[in-house]
PDB file of N, CA and C in Angstrom:
ATOM      1  N   MET A   1     -90.850  25.718 -15.803  1.00  0.00           N
ATOM      2  CA  MET A   1     -90.840  26.699 -14.387  1.00  0.00           C
ATOM      3  C   MET A   1     -90.942  28.244 -15.048  1.00  0.00           C
ATOM      4  N   ASN A   2     -91.418  28.821 -14.416  1.00  0.00           N
ATOM      5  CA  ASN A   2     -91.720  30.701 -14.720  1.00  0.00           C
ATOM      6  C   ASN A   2     -90.462  30.809 -13.663  1.00  0.00           C
ATOM      7  N   GLU A   3     -90.462  32.636 -14.516  1.00  0.00           N
ATOM      8  CA  GLU A   3     -89.745  33.292 -13.553  1.00  0.00           C
ATOM      9  C   GLU A   3     -89.946  33.435 -12.208  1.00  0.00           C
ATOM     10  N   LYS A   4     -91.062  33.630 -11.632  1.00  0.00           N
ATOM     11  CA  LYS A   4     -91.284  33.675 -10.336  1.00  0.00           C
ATOM     12  C   LYS A   4     -90.601  32.574  -9.270  1.00  0.00           C
ATOM     13  N   GLN A   5     -91.062  31.305  -9.909  1.00  0.00           N
ATOM     14  CA  GLN A   5     -90.658  29.951  -9.494  1.00  0.00           C
ATOM     15  C   GLN A   5     -89.144  29.961  -9.157  1.00  0.00           C
ATOM     16  N   PHE A   6     -88.190  30.697 -10.400  1.00  0.00           N
ATOM     17  CA  PHE A   6     -86.775  30.467 -10.336  1.00  0.00           C
ATOM     18  C   PHE A   6     -86.427  31.586  -9.329  1.00  0.00           C
ATOM     19  N   PHE A   7     -86.831  32.383  -8.927  1.00  0.00           N
ATOM     20  CA  PHE A   7     -86.571  33.727  -8.060  1.00  0.00           C
ATOM     21  C   PHE A   7     -86.838  33.014  -6.742  1.00  0.00           C
ATOM     22  N   GLU A   8     -88.050  32.371  -6.674  1.00  0.00           N
ATOM     23  CA  GLU A   8     -88.143  31.767  -5.152  1.00  0.00           C
ATOM     24  C   GLU A   8     -87.225  30.788  -4.797  1.00  0.00           C
ATOM     25  N   ALA A   9     -86.933  30.009  -5.796  1.00  0.00           N
ATOM     26  CA  ALA A   9     -86.021  28.961  -5.448  1.00  0.00           C
ATOM     27  C   ALA A   9     -84.488  29.704  -5.118  1.00  0.00           C
ATOM     28  N   ILE A  10     -84.154  30.604  -5.965  1.00  0.00           N
ATOM     29  CA  ILE A  10     -82.821  31.163  -5.454  1.00  0.00           C
ATOM     30  C   ILE A  10     -82.877  31.718  -3.836  1.00  0.00           C
ATOM     31  N   GLU A  11     -84.114  32.254  -3.541  1.00  0.00           N
ATOM     32  CA  GLU A  11     -84.405  32.948  -2.269  1.00  0.00           C
ATOM     33  C   GLU A  11     -84.289  31.650  -1.243  1.00  0.00           C
ATOM     34  N   ARG A  12     -84.927  30.685  -1.427  1.00  0.00           N
ATOM     35  CA  ARG A  12     -84.944  29.512  -0.479  1.00  0.00           C
ATOM     36  C   ARG A  12     -83.327  28.926  -0.458  1.00  0.00           C
ATOM     37  N   VAL A  13     -82.672  29.158  -1.265  1.00  0.00           N
ATOM     38  CA  VAL A  13     -81.213  28.570  -1.299  1.00  0.00           C
ATOM     39  C   VAL A  13     -80.509  29.515  -0.814  1.00  0.00           C
ATOM     40  N   ASP A  14     -80.545  30.902  -0.325  1.00  0.00           N
ATOM     41  CA  ASP A  14     -79.663  32.009   0.049  1.00  0.00           C
ATOM     42  C   ASP A  14     -79.302  31.707   1.632  1.00  0.00           C
ATOM     43  N   GLY A  15     -80.232  30.903   1.977  1.00  0.00           N
ATOM     44  CA  GLY A  15     -79.852  30.850   3.669  1.00  0.00           C
ATOM     45  C   GLY A  15     -79.297  29.623   3.711  1.00  0.00           C
ATOM     46  N   LEU A  16     -79.381  28.384   2.783  1.00  0.00           N
ATOM     47  CA  LEU A  16     -78.853  27.222   2.681  1.00  0.00           C
ATOM     48  C   LEU A  16     -77.263  27.235   2.594  1.00  0.00           C
ATOM     49  N   ALA A  17     -76.866  28.428   1.461  1.00  0.00           N
ATOM     50  CA  ALA A  17     -75.670  28.127   1.020  1.00  0.00           C
ATOM     51  C   ALA A  17     -74.620  28.686   1.969  1.00  0.00           C
ATOM     52  N   ARG A  18     -75.325  29.403   3.466  1.00  0.00           N
ATOM     53  CA  ARG A  18     -74.338  29.672   4.255  1.00  0.00           C
ATOM     54  C   ARG A  18     -74.247  28.317   5.214  1.00  0.00           C
ATOM     55  N   ALA A  19     -74.668  27.371   4.960  1.00  0.00           N
ATOM     56  CA  ALA A  19     -74.717  26.464   6.094  1.00  0.00           C
ATOM     57  C   ALA A  19     -73.456  25.110   5.609  1.00  0.00           C
ATOM     58  N   GLU A  20     -72.848  24.846   6.803  1.00  0.00           N
ATOM     59  CA  GLU A  20     -72.002  23.788   6.307  1.00  0.00           C
ATOM     60  C   GLU A  20     -72.525  22.466   6.616  1.00  0.00           C
ATOM     61  N   ALA A  21     -72.850  22.005   5.195  1.00  0.00           N
ATOM     62  CA  ALA A  21     -73.413  20.670   5.209  1.00  0.00           C
ATOM     63  C   ALA A  21     -72.544  19.387   5.038  1.00  0.00           C
ATOM     64  N   VAL A  22     -72.792  18.635   5.812  1.00  0.00           N
ATOM     65  CA  VAL A  22     -71.726  17.513   5.798  1.00  0.00           C
ATOM     66  C   VAL A  22     -72.419  15.843   5.392  1.00  0.00           C
ATOM     67  N   GLY A  23     -73.405  15.844   6.160  1.00  0.00           N
ATOM     68  CA  GLY A  23     -74.546  14.656   6.240  1.00  0.00           C
ATOM     69  C   GLY A  23     -75.040  14.608   4.808  1.00  0.00           C
ATOM     70  N   LYS A  24     -75.655  13.271   4.620  1.00  0.00           N
ATOM     71  CA  LYS A  24     -76.493  13.074   3.297  1.00  0.00           C
ATOM     72  C   LYS A  24     -77.768  13.744   3.187  1.00  0.00           C
ATOM     73  N   GLU A  25     -78.568  13.808   4.228  1.00  0.00           N
ATOM     74  CA  GLU A  25     -79.523  14.453   4.928  1.00  0.00           C
ATOM     75  C   GLU A  25     -79.420  16.207   4.275  1.00  0.00           C
ATOM     76  N   ASP A  26     -78.500  16.595   4.769  1.00  0.00           N
ATOM     77  CA  ASP A  26     -78.195  18.015   4.463  1.00  0.00           C
ATOM     78  C   ASP A  26     -77.954  18.199   2.940  1.00  0.00           C
ATOM     79  N   LEU A  27     -77.075  17.225   2.166  1.00  0.00           N
ATOM     80  CA  LEU A  27     -76.877  17.251   0.946  1.00  0.00           C
ATOM     81  C   LEU A  27     -77.917  17.401   0.454  1.00  0.00           C
ATOM     82  N   CYS A  28     -78.878  16.229   0.580  1.00  0.00           N
ATOM     83  CA  CYS A  28     -80.229  16.083  -0.209  1.00  0.00           C
ATOM     84  C   CYS A  28     -81.147  17.326   0.121  1.00  0.00           C
ATOM     85  N   ARG A  29     -81.014  17.966   1.249  1.00  0.00           N
ATOM     86  CA  ARG A  29     -81.980  18.906   1.660  1.00  0.00           C
ATOM     87  C   ARG A  29     -81.611  20.278   0.374  1.00  0.00           C
ATOM     88  N   ILE A  30     -79.885  20.551   0.562  1.00  0.00           N
ATOM     89  CA  ILE A  30     -79.792  21.569  -0.484  1.00  0.00           C
ATOM     90  C   ILE A  30     -79.837  21.374  -1.734  1.00  0.00           C
ATOM     91  N   TYR A  31     -79.668  20.147  -2.269  1.00  0.00           N
ATOM     92  CA  TYR A  31     -79.650  19.786  -3.853  1.00  0.00           C
ATOM     93  C   TYR A  31     -81.283  19.874  -4.013  1.00  0.00           C
ATOM     94  N   LYS A  32     -82.251  19.477  -3.411  1.00  0.00           N
ATOM     95  CA  LYS A  32     -83.414  19.607  -3.727  1.00  0.00           C
ATOM     96  C   LYS A  32     -83.859  21.255  -3.779  1.00  0.00           C
ATOM     97  N   ALA A  33     -83.287  22.125  -2.879  1.00  0.00           N
ATOM     98  CA  ALA A  33     -83.449  23.483  -3.135  1.00  0.00           C
ATOM     99  C   ALA A  33     -82.746  23.928  -4.246  1.00  0.00           C
ATOM    100  N   VAL A  34     -81.688  23.486  -4.693  1.00  0.00           N
ATOM    101  CA  VAL A  34     -80.632  23.897  -5.662  1.00  0.00           C
ATOM    102  C   VAL A  34     -81.169  23.553  -7.124  1.00  0.00           C
ATOM    103  N   LYS A  35     -81.865  22.157  -7.164  1.00  0.00           N
ATOM    104  CA  LYS A  35     -82.406  21.704  -8.339  1.00  0.00           C
ATOM    105  C   LYS A  35     -83.059  22.607  -9.181  1.00  0.00           C
ATOM    106  N   PRO A  36     -84.161  23.045  -8.897  1.00  0.00           N
ATOM    107  CA  PRO A  36     -85.018  24.343  -9.578  1.00  0.00           C
ATOM    108  C   PRO A  36     -84.066  25.062 -10.623  1.00  0.00           C
ATOM    109  N   ILE A  37     -83.174  25.686  -9.606  1.00  0.00           N
ATOM    110  CA  ILE A  37     -81.858  26.740 -10.102  1.00  0.00           C
ATOM    111  C   ILE A  37     -81.574  25.971 -11.391  1.00  0.00           C
ATOM    112  N   LEU A  38     -80.699  25.049 -10.802  1.00  0.00           N
ATOM    113  CA  LEU A  38     -79.753  24.210 -12.076  1.00  0.00           C
ATOM    114  C   LEU A  38     -80.629  24.103 -13.245  1.00  0.00           C
ATOM    115  N   GLU A  39     -81.961  23.590 -13.221  1.00  0.00           N
ATOM    116  CA  GLU A  39     -82.804  23.397 -14.235  1.00  0.00           C
ATOM    117  C   GLU A  39     -82.979  24.703 -15.020  1.00  0.00           C
ATOM    118  N   GLY A  40     -83.186  25.800 -14.522  1.00  0.00           N
ATOM    119  CA  GLY A  40     -83.472  27.119 -15.019  1.00  0.00           C
ATOM    120  C   GLY A  40     -82.130  27.673 -15.852  1.00  0.00           C
ATOM    121  N   ILE A  41     -80.982  27.567 -15.150  1.00  0.00           N
ATOM    122  CA  ILE A  41     -79.799  28.055 -15.837  1.00  0.00           C
ATOM    123  C   ILE A  41     -79.193  27.129 -17.032  1.00  0.00           C
ATOM    124  N   LEU A  42     -79.620  25.799 -16.972  1.00  0.00           N
ATOM    125  CA  LEU A  42     -78.959  24.823 -17.900  1.00  0.00           C
ATOM    126  C   LEU A  42     -79.073  25.401 -19.742  1.00  0.00           C
ATOM    127  N   PRO A  43     -80.293  25.856 -19.820  1.00  0.00           N
ATOM    128  CA  PRO A  43     -80.245  26.012 -21.262  1.00  0.00           C
ATOM    129  C   PRO A  43     -79.564  27.220 -21.474  1.00  0.00           C
ATOM    130  N   PHE A  44     -79.403  28.282 -20.581  1.00  0.00           N
ATOM    131  CA  PHE A  44     -78.591  29.422 -20.896  1.00  0.00           C
ATOM    132  C   PHE A  44     -76.952  28.750 -21.187  1.00  0.00           C
ATOM    133  N   LEU A  45     -76.931  28.067 -20.227  1.00  0.00           N
ATOM    134  CA  LEU A  45     -75.252  27.503 -20.069  1.00  0.00           C
ATOM    135  C   LEU A  45     -75.059  26.755 -21.284  1.00  0.00           C
ATOM    136  N   GLU A  46     -76.021  26.275 -21.582  1.00  0.00           N
ATOM    137  CA  GLU A  46     -75.175  25.374 -23.125  1.00  0.00           C
ATOM    138  C   GLU A  46     -74.992  26.480 -24.029  1.00  0.00           C
ATOM    139  N   LEU A  47     -75.601  27.596 -24.321  1.00  0.00           N
ATOM    140  CA  LEU A  47     -75.202  28.679 -25.208  1.00  0.00           C
ATOM    141  C   LEU A  47     -74.150  29.339 -25.259  1.00  0.00           C
ATOM    142  N   ILE A  48     -73.476  29.054 -23.895  1.00  0.00           N
ATOM    143  CA  ILE A  48     -72.199  29.623 -23.953  1.00  0.00           C
ATOM    144  C   ILE A  48     -71.074  28.908 -24.922  1.00  0.00           C
ATOM    145  N   PRO A  49     -70.512  29.853 -25.889  1.00  0.00           N
ATOM    146  CA  PRO A  49     -69.600  29.273 -26.863  1.00  0.00           C
ATOM    147  C   PRO A  49     -68.483  28.299 -26.322  1.00  0.00           C
ATOM    148  N   GLY A  50     -68.053  27.248 -26.809  1.00  0.00           N
ATOM    149  CA  GLY A  50     -66.917  26.575 -26.378  1.00  0.00           C
ATOM    150  C   GLY A  50     -67.275  25.535 -25.458  1.00  0.00           C
ATOM    151  N   TRP A  51     -67.361  25.573 -24.173  1.00  0.00           N
ATOM    152  CA  TRP A  51     -67.496  24.949 -22.880  1.00  0.00           C
ATOM    153  C   TRP A  51     -68.801  25.135 -22.610  1.00  0.00           C
ATOM    154  N   GLY A  52     -70.028  25.974 -22.857  1.00  0.00           N
ATOM    155  CA  GLY A  52     -71.134  25.656 -22.560  1.00  0.00           C
ATOM    156  C   GLY A  52     -71.957  24.032 -22.553  1.00  0.00           C
ATOM    157  N   LYS A  53     -71.803  23.514 -23.752  1.00  0.00           N
ATOM    158  CA  LYS A  53     -72.596  22.257 -23.642  1.00  0.00           C
ATOM    159  C   LYS A  53     -71.596  21.072 -22.763  1.00  0.00           C
ATOM    160  N   LYS A  54     -70.667  21.456 -22.899  1.00  0.00           N
ATOM    161  CA  LYS A  54     -69.725  20.398 -21.617  1.00  0.00           C
ATOM    162  C   LYS A  54     -70.333  20.469 -20.574  1.00  0.00           C
ATOM    163  N   ALA A  55     -69.943  21.665 -19.966  1.00  0.00           N
ATOM    164  CA  ALA A  55     -70.462  21.882 -18.593  1.00  0.00           C
ATOM    165  C   ALA A  55     -71.832  21.692 -18.296  1.00  0.00           C
ATOM    166  N   ALA A  56     -73.058  22.098 -19.075  1.00  0.00           N
ATOM    167  CA  ALA A  56     -74.146  21.662 -18.795  1.00  0.00           C
ATOM    168  C   ALA A  56     -74.553  19.770 -18.793  1.00  0.00           C
ATOM    169  N   ALA A  57     -73.579  19.005 -19.660  1.00  0.00           N
ATOM    170  CA  ALA A  57     -73.335  17.832 -19.500  1.00  0.00           C
ATOM    171  C   ALA A  57     -72.974  17.382 -18.137  1.00  0.00           C
ATOM    172  N   ALA A  58     -71.918  17.839 -17.755  1.00  0.00           N
ATOM    173  CA  ALA A  58     -71.485  17.714 -16.600  1.00  0.00           C
ATOM    174  C   ALA A  58     -72.253  17.903 -15.594  1.00  0.00           C
ATOM    175  N   ILE A  59     -72.816  19.047 -15.278  1.00  0.00           N
ATOM    176  CA  ILE A  59     -73.942  19.286 -14.200  1.00  0.00           C
ATOM    177  C   ILE A  59     -75.303  18.093 -14.494  1.00  0.00           C
ATOM    178  N   ARG A  60     -75.411  18.105 -15.781  1.00  0.00           N
ATOM    179  CA  ARG A  60     -76.458  17.081 -15.817  1.00  0.00           C
ATOM    180  C   ARG A  60     -76.243  15.475 -15.234  1.00  0.00           C
ATOM    181  N   LEU A  61     -75.158  15.410 -15.398  1.00  0.00           N
ATOM    182  CA  LEU A  61     -74.522  13.939 -14.988  1.00  0.00           C
ATOM    183  C   LEU A  61     -74.698  13.789 -13.170  1.00  0.00           C
ATOM    184  N   LEU A  62     -74.164  15.220 -13.116  1.00  0.00           N
ATOM    185  CA  LEU A  62     -74.215  15.235 -11.280  1.00  0.00           C
ATOM    186  C   LEU A  62     -75.139  15.217 -10.891  1.00  0.00           C
ATOM    187  N   MET A  63     -76.339  16.032 -11.549  1.00  0.00           N
ATOM    188  CA  MET A  63     -77.668  15.846 -10.964  1.00  0.00           C
ATOM    189  C   MET A  63     -78.225  14.550 -11.042  1.00  0.00           C
ATOM    190  N   LYS A  64     -78.170  13.635 -11.975  1.00  0.00           N
ATOM    191  CA  LYS A  64     -78.537  12.396 -12.193  1.00  0.00           C
ATOM    192  C   LYS A  64     -78.059  11.378 -10.763  1.00  0.00           C
ATOM    193  N   GLY A  65     -76.657  11.607 -10.611  1.00  0.00           N
ATOM    194  CA  GLY A  65     -76.110  10.788  -9.849  1.00  0.00           C
ATOM    195  C   GLY A  65     -76.929  11.373  -7.881  1.00  0.00           C
ATOM    196  N   LEU A  66     -77.381  12.995  -8.065  1.00  0.00           N
ATOM    197  CA  LEU A  66     -77.984  13.381  -6.801  1.00  0.00           C
ATOM    198  C   LEU A  66     -79.149  13.049  -6.754  1.00  0.00           C
ATOM    199  N   ASP A  67     -80.046  12.862  -7.912  1.00  0.00           N
ATOM    200  CA  ASP A  67     -81.512  12.254  -7.952  1.00  0.00           C
ATOM    201  C   ASP A  67     -81.732  10.749  -7.207  1.00  0.00           C
ATOM    202  N   ALA A  68     -80.562   9.878  -7.948  1.00  0.00           N
ATOM    203  CA  ALA A  68     -80.534   8.637  -7.219  1.00  0.00           C
ATOM    204  C   ALA A  68     -80.100   8.748  -5.927  1.00  0.00           C
ATOM    205  N   LEU A  69     -79.124   9.611  -5.519  1.00  0.00           N
ATOM    206  CA  LEU A  69     -78.969   9.517  -4.033  1.00  0.00           C
ATOM    207  C   LEU A  69     -80.086  10.040  -3.386  1.00  0.00           C
ATOM    208  N   CYS A  70     -80.862  10.791  -3.531  1.00  0.00           N
ATOM    209  CA  CYS A  70     -81.968  11.685  -2.915  1.00  0.00           C
ATOM    210  C   CYS A  70     -83.060  11.721  -3.594  1.00  0.00           C
ATOM    211  N   PRO A  71     -83.736  10.382  -3.354  1.00  0.00           N
ATOM    212  CA  PRO A  71     -85.080  10.403  -4.072  1.00  0.00           C
ATOM    213  C   PRO A  71     -86.269  11.246  -3.689  1.00  0.00           C
TER     214      PRO A  71
END
């Protein structure tokens, strides 16, 4: 993902973040919009001393579950 794609993904999520999602469809729609952002920040998150690698691993695990729920 390049820088332009990363910032476009952030802009798409901006409106979704204000919505109150409750259903699976809403969750999947928001996750699909947020996923590129998460993928973009995970390498940087891992560089944080102490807890970065553990936080990145937890986010990857959550993403794996959401990928299964939202094909």
